Amino acid sequence: MSKNELPDTKEGRVDWVIRAESNEEMRRRYDLWAQAYDGDVGSYEDYLVPKEAVKVAEQVLDRAALIVDAGAGTGLVGETLKAAGFARLIAVDYSRGMLDVAREKGVYEALHQCDLSGPTEFADDTIDCVITCGTTTQMPCVSLREFARIVRPGGLVIFGVVPDGWERCGYAGILADLEAAGKMSVDSKGPAFQMLPTTEPDFFCEIWVMRVH
């Protein structure tokens, strides 16, 4: 272990953070990891989800869409969206340390530190799309209800889904409730790919597109 608690290897740091046992402990670990995060998982060779999610966004969104990057971290998804021509970006994350790094990149028009287990400050039906990557096992599953509230009818949620965590973490049940209520439906589910091929090769992800009604 290094002096500030971070494990000494990249692989150790990734494992240490994703296996935190509570939301508060995860936030604390992300704060500690923030300055090293991009160096650990910031390349496309190490972390493929931003690239794959933005490929989908390019196919289904207008470049003028107002997008909330939920679980934005240090802004890797925001950087990738910006490079693809999306300019109206808002970052949301639980970790102040991660958002401080994201702010320095200048890709977001606003940044919000908030806990997605409860209501956010966004008004109903005001967002064109929520995009969220690498968050299935770390973000509270009730966030899906919040996304359905803030995204306008006809708007989208682009979600980098870890399939084995989707059911285990409670998202499947909430999506079923939203579908039954006519508030959300699944437009598409992409093929599975390794999300962290060099550090966690057994972790797979799919890019899902869900439509709000």
C-alpha atoms as a PDB file:
ATOM      1  CA  MET A   1       0.000   0.000   0.000  1.00  0.00           C
ATOM      2  CA  SER A   2       1.133   3.541  -0.704  1.00  0.00           C
ATOM      3  CA  LYS A   3       1.113   6.186   2.001  1.00  0.00           C
ATOM      4  CA  ASN A   4      -2.325   7.542   1.074  1.00  0.00           C
ATOM      5  CA  GLU A   5      -3.962   4.074   1.148  1.00  0.00           C
ATOM      6  CA  LEU A   6      -3.946   3.550  -2.611  1.00  0.00           C
ATOM      7  CA  PRO A   7      -2.594   0.139  -3.599  1.00  0.00           C
ATOM      8  CA  ASP A   8       0.747   0.334  -5.355  1.00  0.00           C
ATOM      9  CA  THR A   9      -0.309  -1.176  -8.693  1.00  0.00           C
ATOM     10  CA  LYS A  10      -2.865  -0.102 -11.265  1.00  0.00           C
ATOM     11  CA  GLU A  11      -4.615  -3.467 -11.062  1.00  0.00           C
ATOM     12  CA  GLY A  12      -4.695  -3.214  -7.274  1.00  0.00           C
ATOM     13  CA  ARG A  13      -6.177   0.288  -7.347  1.00  0.00           C
ATOM     14  CA  VAL A  14      -8.959  -0.728  -9.764  1.00  0.00           C
ATOM     15  CA  ASP A  15      -9.860  -3.741  -7.624  1.00  0.00           C
ATOM     16  CA  TRP A  16      -9.663  -1.761  -4.356  1.00  0.00           C
ATOM     17  CA  VAL A  17     -12.124   0.873  -5.544  1.00  0.00           C
ATOM     18  CA  ILE A  18     -14.708  -1.297  -7.282  1.00  0.00           C
ATOM     19  CA  ARG A  19     -14.892  -3.626  -4.272  1.00  0.00           C
ATOM     20  CA  ALA A  20     -15.719  -0.944  -1.690  1.00  0.00           C
ATOM     21  CA  GLU A  21     -18.447  -2.206   0.635  1.00  0.00           C
ATOM     22  CA  SER A  22     -20.602   0.940   0.852  1.00  0.00           C
ATOM     23  CA  ASN A  23     -21.433   3.997  -1.246  1.00  0.00           C
ATOM     24  CA  GLU A  24     -19.707   6.298   1.224  1.00  0.00           C
ATOM     25  CA  GLU A  25     -16.559   4.180   1.252  1.00  0.00           C
ATOM     26  CA  MET A  26     -16.599   4.058  -2.539  1.00  0.00           C
ATOM     27  CA  ARG A  27     -16.864   7.857  -2.700  1.00  0.00           C
ATOM     28  CA  ARG A  28     -13.916   8.169  -0.313  1.00  0.00           C
ATOM     29  CA  ARG A  29     -11.806   5.767  -2.362  1.00  0.00           C
ATOM     30  CA  TYR A  30     -12.644   7.568  -5.599  1.00  0.00           C
ATOM     31  CA  ASP A  31     -11.588  10.853  -3.994  1.00  0.00           C
ATOM     32  CA  LEU A  32      -8.232   9.291  -3.163  1.00  0.00           C
ATOM     33  CA  TRP A  33      -7.892   7.718  -6.607  1.00  0.00           C
ATOM     34  CA  ALA A  34      -8.891  10.827  -8.576  1.00  0.00           C
ATOM     35  CA  GLN A  35      -5.440  12.174  -9.429  1.00  0.00           C
ATOM     36  CA  ALA A  36      -4.185   8.759 -10.578  1.00  0.00           C
ATOM     37  CA  TYR A  37      -7.400   7.629 -12.257  1.00  0.00           C
ATOM     38  CA  ASP A  38      -6.724   8.772 -15.819  1.00  0.00           C
ATOM     39  CA  GLY A  39      -3.255   7.281 -15.755  1.00  0.00           C
ATOM     40  CA  ASP A  40      -4.694   3.970 -14.597  1.00  0.00           C
ATOM     41  CA  VAL A  41      -7.717   3.557 -16.887  1.00  0.00           C
ATOM     42  CA  GLY A  42      -7.655   6.585 -19.174  1.00  0.00           C
ATOM     43  CA  SER A  43      -6.541   4.933 -22.394  1.00  0.00           C
ATOM     44  CA  TYR A  44      -8.830   3.142 -24.811  1.00  0.00           C
ATOM     45  CA  GLU A  45      -6.649   0.047 -24.491  1.00  0.00           C
ATOM     46  CA  ASP A  46      -7.396  -0.103 -20.756  1.00  0.00           C
ATOM     47  CA  TYR A  47     -10.999   1.138 -20.573  1.00  0.00           C
ATOM     48  CA  LEU A  48     -13.159   0.637 -23.647  1.00  0.00           C
ATOM     49  CA  VAL A  49     -16.591   1.705 -22.375  1.00  0.00           C
ATOM     50  CA  PRO A  50     -16.430   5.456 -23.216  1.00  0.00           C
ATOM     51  CA  LYS A  51     -15.434   4.770 -26.813  1.00  0.00           C
ATOM     52  CA  GLU A  52     -18.120   2.117 -27.304  1.00  0.00           C
ATOM     53  CA  ALA A  53     -20.851   4.198 -25.624  1.00  0.00           C
ATOM     54  CA  VAL A  54     -20.047   7.272 -27.704  1.00  0.00           C
ATOM     55  CA  LYS A  55     -20.131   5.205 -30.902  1.00  0.00           C
ATOM     56  CA  VAL A  56     -23.756   4.471 -30.003  1.00  0.00           C
ATOM     57  CA  ALA A  57     -24.444   8.104 -29.080  1.00  0.00           C
ATOM     58  CA  GLU A  58     -23.234   9.188 -32.508  1.00  0.00           C
ATOM     59  CA  GLN A  59     -25.827   6.902 -34.081  1.00  0.00           C
ATOM     60  CA  VAL A  60     -28.844   7.863 -31.979  1.00  0.00           C
ATOM     61  CA  LEU A  61     -28.359  11.473 -30.820  1.00  0.00           C
ATOM     62  CA  ASP A  62     -28.310  14.888 -32.406  1.00  0.00           C
ATOM     63  CA  ARG A  63     -25.047  16.733 -31.732  1.00  0.00           C
ATOM     64  CA  ALA A  64     -27.066  19.535 -30.077  1.00  0.00           C
ATOM     65  CA  ALA A  65     -28.514  17.165 -27.440  1.00  0.00           C
ATOM     66  CA  LEU A  66     -28.273  18.174 -23.786  1.00  0.00           C
ATOM     67  CA  ILE A  67     -26.502  15.211 -22.157  1.00  0.00           C
ATOM     68  CA  VAL A  68     -26.013  14.358 -18.487  1.00  0.00           C
ATOM     69  CA  ASP A  69     -22.929  12.206 -17.926  1.00  0.00           C
ATOM     70  CA  ALA A  70     -23.953  10.295 -14.789  1.00  0.00           C
ATOM     71  CA  GLY A  71     -21.049   8.908 -12.804  1.00  0.00           C
ATOM     72  CA  ALA A  72     -18.823  11.175 -14.875  1.00  0.00           C
ATOM     73  CA  GLY A  73     -15.709  10.602 -12.787  1.00  0.00           C
ATOM     74  CA  THR A  74     -12.752  12.476 -14.241  1.00  0.00           C
ATOM     75  CA  GLY A  75     -14.586  13.152 -17.499  1.00  0.00           C
ATOM     76  CA  LEU A  76     -13.369  10.354 -19.778  1.00  0.00           C
ATOM     77  CA  VAL A  77     -16.830   9.993 -21.324  1.00  0.00           C
ATOM     78  CA  GLY A  78     -17.193  13.759 -21.571  1.00  0.00           C
ATOM     79  CA  GLU A  79     -13.878  14.057 -23.398  1.00  0.00           C
ATOM     80  CA  THR A  80     -14.937  11.352 -25.828  1.00  0.00           C
ATOM     81  CA  LEU A  81     -18.335  12.984 -26.404  1.00  0.00           C
ATOM     82  CA  LYS A  82     -16.706  16.371 -26.956  1.00  0.00           C
ATOM     83  CA  ALA A  83     -14.290  14.904 -29.501  1.00  0.00           C
ATOM     84  CA  ALA A  84     -17.289  13.428 -31.341  1.00  0.00           C
ATOM     85  CA  GLY A  85     -18.936  16.853 -31.609  1.00  0.00           C
ATOM     86  CA  PHE A  86     -21.268  16.873 -28.602  1.00  0.00           C
ATOM     87  CA  ALA A  87     -20.960  20.185 -26.751  1.00  0.00           C
ATOM     88  CA  ARG A  88     -23.862  20.432 -24.269  1.00  0.00           C
ATOM     89  CA  LEU A  89     -22.558  18.243 -21.480  1.00  0.00           C
ATOM     90  CA  ILE A  90     -23.295  18.166 -17.742  1.00  0.00           C
ATOM     91  CA  ALA A  91     -21.249  16.054 -15.327  1.00  0.00           C
ATOM     92  CA  VAL A  92     -22.790  14.351 -12.296  1.00  0.00           C
ATOM     93  CA  ASP A  93     -20.728  12.373  -9.804  1.00  0.00           C
ATOM     94  CA  TYR A  94     -20.672  11.436  -6.116  1.00  0.00           C
ATOM     95  CA  SER A  95     -16.938  12.152  -5.744  1.00  0.00           C
ATOM     96  CA  ARG A  96     -15.759  15.736  -5.412  1.00  0.00           C
ATOM     97  CA  GLY A  97     -12.183  14.669  -6.118  1.00  0.00           C
ATOM     98  CA  MET A  98     -13.142  13.115  -9.448  1.00  0.00           C
ATOM     99  CA  LEU A  99     -15.183  16.160 -10.467  1.00  0.00           C
ATOM    100  CA  ASP A 100     -12.275  18.455  -9.618  1.00  0.00           C
ATOM    101  CA  VAL A 101     -10.200  16.601 -12.217  1.00  0.00           C
ATOM    102  CA  ALA A 102     -13.081  16.670 -14.719  1.00  0.00           C
ATOM    103  CA  ARG A 103     -13.466  20.441 -14.306  1.00  0.00           C
ATOM    104  CA  GLU A 104      -9.877  21.012 -15.383  1.00  0.00           C
ATOM    105  CA  LYS A 105     -10.609  19.418 -18.766  1.00  0.00           C
ATOM    106  CA  GLY A 106     -13.128  22.107 -19.732  1.00  0.00           C
ATOM    107  CA  VAL A 107     -15.544  19.781 -21.547  1.00  0.00           C
ATOM    108  CA  TYR A 108     -18.632  20.285 -19.328  1.00  0.00           C
ATOM    109  CA  GLU A 109     -20.881  23.336 -19.147  1.00  0.00           C
ATOM    110  CA  ALA A 110     -21.793  22.404 -15.550  1.00  0.00           C
ATOM    111  CA  LEU A 111     -20.708  19.912 -12.891  1.00  0.00           C
ATOM    112  CA  HIS A 112     -22.861  18.633 -10.024  1.00  0.00           C
ATOM    113  CA  GLN A 113     -21.799  16.598  -7.011  1.00  0.00           C
ATOM    114  CA  CYS A 114     -24.816  14.550  -5.963  1.00  0.00           C
ATOM    115  CA  ASP A 115     -25.978  11.176  -4.742  1.00  0.00           C
ATOM    116  CA  LEU A 116     -28.156   9.509  -7.354  1.00  0.00           C
ATOM    117  CA  SER A 117     -29.928   7.431  -4.713  1.00  0.00           C
ATOM    118  CA  GLY A 118     -32.244  10.435  -4.229  1.00  0.00           C
ATOM    119  CA  PRO A 119     -33.746  13.313  -6.220  1.00  0.00           C
ATOM    120  CA  THR A 120     -31.334  15.583  -8.066  1.00  0.00           C
ATOM    121  CA  GLU A 121     -31.747  19.292  -8.781  1.00  0.00           C
ATOM    122  CA  PHE A 122     -32.707  18.713 -12.416  1.00  0.00           C
ATOM    123  CA  ALA A 123     -36.296  19.530 -13.344  1.00  0.00           C
ATOM    124  CA  ASP A 124     -38.648  16.964 -14.865  1.00  0.00           C
ATOM    125  CA  ASP A 125     -38.358  16.295 -18.608  1.00  0.00           C
ATOM    126  CA  THR A 126     -35.458  18.689 -19.221  1.00  0.00           C
ATOM    127  CA  ILE A 127     -32.619  16.430 -20.403  1.00  0.00           C
ATOM    128  CA  ASP A 128     -32.270  14.891 -23.870  1.00  0.00           C
ATOM    129  CA  CYS A 129     -30.062  12.000 -22.796  1.00  0.00           C
ATOM    130  CA  VAL A 130     -28.349  10.479 -19.774  1.00  0.00           C
ATOM    131  CA  ILE A 131     -25.206   8.524 -20.550  1.00  0.00           C
ATOM    132  CA  THR A 132     -23.569   6.403 -17.875  1.00  0.00           C
ATOM    133  CA  CYS A 133     -20.530   4.125 -18.162  1.00  0.00           C
ATOM    134  CA  GLY A 134     -18.807   1.816 -15.709  1.00  0.00           C
ATOM    135  CA  THR A 135     -21.454   2.366 -13.059  1.00  0.00           C
ATOM    136  CA  THR A 136     -23.646  -0.771 -12.951  1.00  0.00           C
ATOM    137  CA  THR A 137     -22.167  -2.197  -9.766  1.00  0.00           C
ATOM    138  CA  GLN A 138     -21.410   1.169  -8.146  1.00  0.00           C
ATOM    139  CA  MET A 139     -24.324   3.520  -8.786  1.00  0.00           C
ATOM    140  CA  PRO A 140     -27.577   2.982  -6.831  1.00  0.00           C
ATOM    141  CA  CYS A 141     -30.112   1.167  -9.001  1.00  0.00           C
ATOM    142  CA  VAL A 142     -32.836   3.692  -8.095  1.00  0.00           C
ATOM    143  CA  SER A 143     -30.914   6.149 -10.261  1.00  0.00           C
ATOM    144  CA  LEU A 144     -32.795   4.577 -13.175  1.00  0.00           C
ATOM    145  CA  ARG A 145     -36.021   6.102 -11.824  1.00  0.00           C
ATOM    146  CA  GLU A 146     -34.314   9.480 -11.580  1.00  0.00           C
ATOM    147  CA  PHE A 147     -33.143   9.215 -15.176  1.00  0.00           C
ATOM    148  CA  ALA A 148     -36.716   8.454 -16.256  1.00  0.00           C
ATOM    149  CA  ARG A 149     -37.849  11.587 -14.407  1.00  0.00           C
ATOM    150  CA  ILE A 150     -35.334  14.075 -15.781  1.00  0.00           C
ATOM    151  CA  VAL A 151     -35.154  12.846 -19.385  1.00  0.00           C
ATOM    152  CA  ARG A 152     -37.821  14.285 -21.669  1.00  0.00           C
ATOM    153  CA  PRO A 153     -40.344  11.971 -23.342  1.00  0.00           C
ATOM    154  CA  GLY A 154     -38.646  10.529 -26.401  1.00  0.00           C
ATOM    155  CA  GLY A 155     -35.215  11.099 -24.842  1.00  0.00           C
ATOM    156  CA  LEU A 156     -32.690   8.356 -24.218  1.00  0.00           C
ATOM    157  CA  VAL A 157     -30.617   6.667 -21.540  1.00  0.00           C
ATOM    158  CA  ILE A 158     -27.394   5.161 -22.899  1.00  0.00           C
ATOM    159  CA  PHE A 159     -26.141   2.738 -20.264  1.00  0.00           C
ATOM    160  CA  GLY A 160     -22.928   0.740 -20.212  1.00  0.00           C
ATOM    161  CA  VAL A 161     -24.450  -2.349 -18.564  1.00  0.00           C
ATOM    162  CA  VAL A 162     -22.444  -5.029 -16.781  1.00  0.00           C
ATOM    163  CA  PRO A 163     -24.849  -7.937 -17.436  1.00  0.00           C
ATOM    164  CA  ASP A 164     -24.163 -10.019 -14.327  1.00  0.00           C
ATOM    165  CA  GLY A 165     -24.514  -6.915 -12.150  1.00  0.00           C
ATOM    166  CA  TRP A 166     -27.728  -5.674 -13.755  1.00  0.00           C
ATOM    167  CA  GLU A 167     -29.870  -8.293 -12.033  1.00  0.00           C
ATOM    168  CA  ARG A 168     -27.781  -8.594  -8.874  1.00  0.00           C
ATOM    169  CA  CYS A 169     -27.748  -4.849  -8.187  1.00  0.00           C
ATOM    170  CA  GLY A 170     -31.488  -4.376  -8.687  1.00  0.00           C
ATOM    171  CA  TYR A 171     -31.680  -2.572 -12.032  1.00  0.00           C
ATOM    172  CA  ALA A 172     -33.649  -5.348 -13.713  1.00  0.00           C
ATOM    173  CA  GLY A 173     -36.540  -5.027 -11.279  1.00  0.00           C
ATOM    174  CA  ILE A 174     -36.671  -1.243 -11.544  1.00  0.00           C
ATOM    175  CA  LEU A 175     -36.571  -1.371 -15.345  1.00  0.00           C
ATOM    176  CA  ALA A 176     -39.410  -3.912 -15.289  1.00  0.00           C
ATOM    177  CA  ASP A 177     -41.466  -1.523 -13.127  1.00  0.00           C
ATOM    178  CA  LEU A 178     -40.752   1.406 -15.452  1.00  0.00           C
ATOM    179  CA  GLU A 179     -41.658  -0.693 -18.487  1.00  0.00           C
ATOM    180  CA  ALA A 180     -44.906  -1.844 -16.863  1.00  0.00           C
ATOM    181  CA  ALA A 181     -45.791   1.782 -16.099  1.00  0.00           C
ATOM    182  CA  GLY A 182     -45.110   2.779 -19.703  1.00  0.00           C
ATOM    183  CA  LYS A 183     -42.278   5.118 -18.669  1.00  0.00           C
ATOM    184  CA  MET A 184     -39.303   3.418 -20.293  1.00  0.00           C
ATOM    185  CA  SER A 185     -38.491   0.778 -22.892  1.00  0.00           C
ATOM    186  CA  VAL A 186     -35.312  -0.792 -24.268  1.00  0.00           C
ATOM    187  CA  ASP A 187     -34.480   0.219 -27.836  1.00  0.00           C
ATOM    188  CA  SER A 188     -31.338  -1.889 -28.235  1.00  0.00           C
ATOM    189  CA  LYS A 189     -28.714  -3.996 -26.460  1.00  0.00           C
ATOM    190  CA  GLY A 190     -25.236  -4.118 -27.961  1.00  0.00           C
ATOM    191  CA  PRO A 191     -22.891  -7.131 -27.959  1.00  0.00           C
ATOM    192  CA  ALA A 192     -20.783  -7.876 -24.896  1.00  0.00           C
ATOM    193  CA  PHE A 193     -17.161  -6.677 -24.870  1.00  0.00           C
ATOM    194  CA  GLN A 194     -14.325  -6.597 -22.348  1.00  0.00           C
ATOM    195  CA  MET A 195     -14.607  -3.275 -20.523  1.00  0.00           C
ATOM    196  CA  LEU A 196     -11.163  -3.388 -18.846  1.00  0.00           C
ATOM    197  CA  PRO A 197      -9.227  -5.886 -20.972  1.00  0.00           C
ATOM    198  CA  THR A 198      -5.791  -5.310 -19.441  1.00  0.00           C
ATOM    199  CA  THR A 199      -6.773  -4.962 -15.775  1.00  0.00           C
ATOM    200  CA  GLU A 200     -10.051  -6.887 -15.316  1.00  0.00           C
ATOM    201  CA  PRO A 201     -10.376  -9.170 -18.370  1.00  0.00           C
ATOM    202  CA  ASP A 202     -13.313 -11.064 -16.891  1.00  0.00           C
ATOM    203  CA  PHE A 203     -15.519  -7.928 -16.726  1.00  0.00           C
ATOM    204  CA  PHE A 204     -17.851  -7.597 -19.701  1.00  0.00           C
ATOM    205  CA  CYS A 205     -20.127  -4.741 -20.721  1.00  0.00           C
ATOM    206  CA  GLU A 206     -22.993  -4.132 -23.151  1.00  0.00           C
ATOM    207  CA  ILE A 207     -24.216  -0.737 -24.364  1.00  0.00           C
ATOM    208  CA  TRP A 208     -27.985  -0.497 -23.907  1.00  0.00           C
ATOM    209  CA  VAL A 209     -30.206   2.264 -25.263  1.00  0.00           C
ATOM    210  CA  MET A 210     -33.412   2.901 -23.305  1.00  0.00           C
ATOM    211  CA  ARG A 211     -36.131   5.320 -24.377  1.00  0.00           C
ATOM    212  CA  VAL A 212     -38.158   7.425 -21.947  1.00  0.00           C
ATOM    213  CA  HIS A 213     -41.906   7.841 -22.596  1.00  0.00           C
END
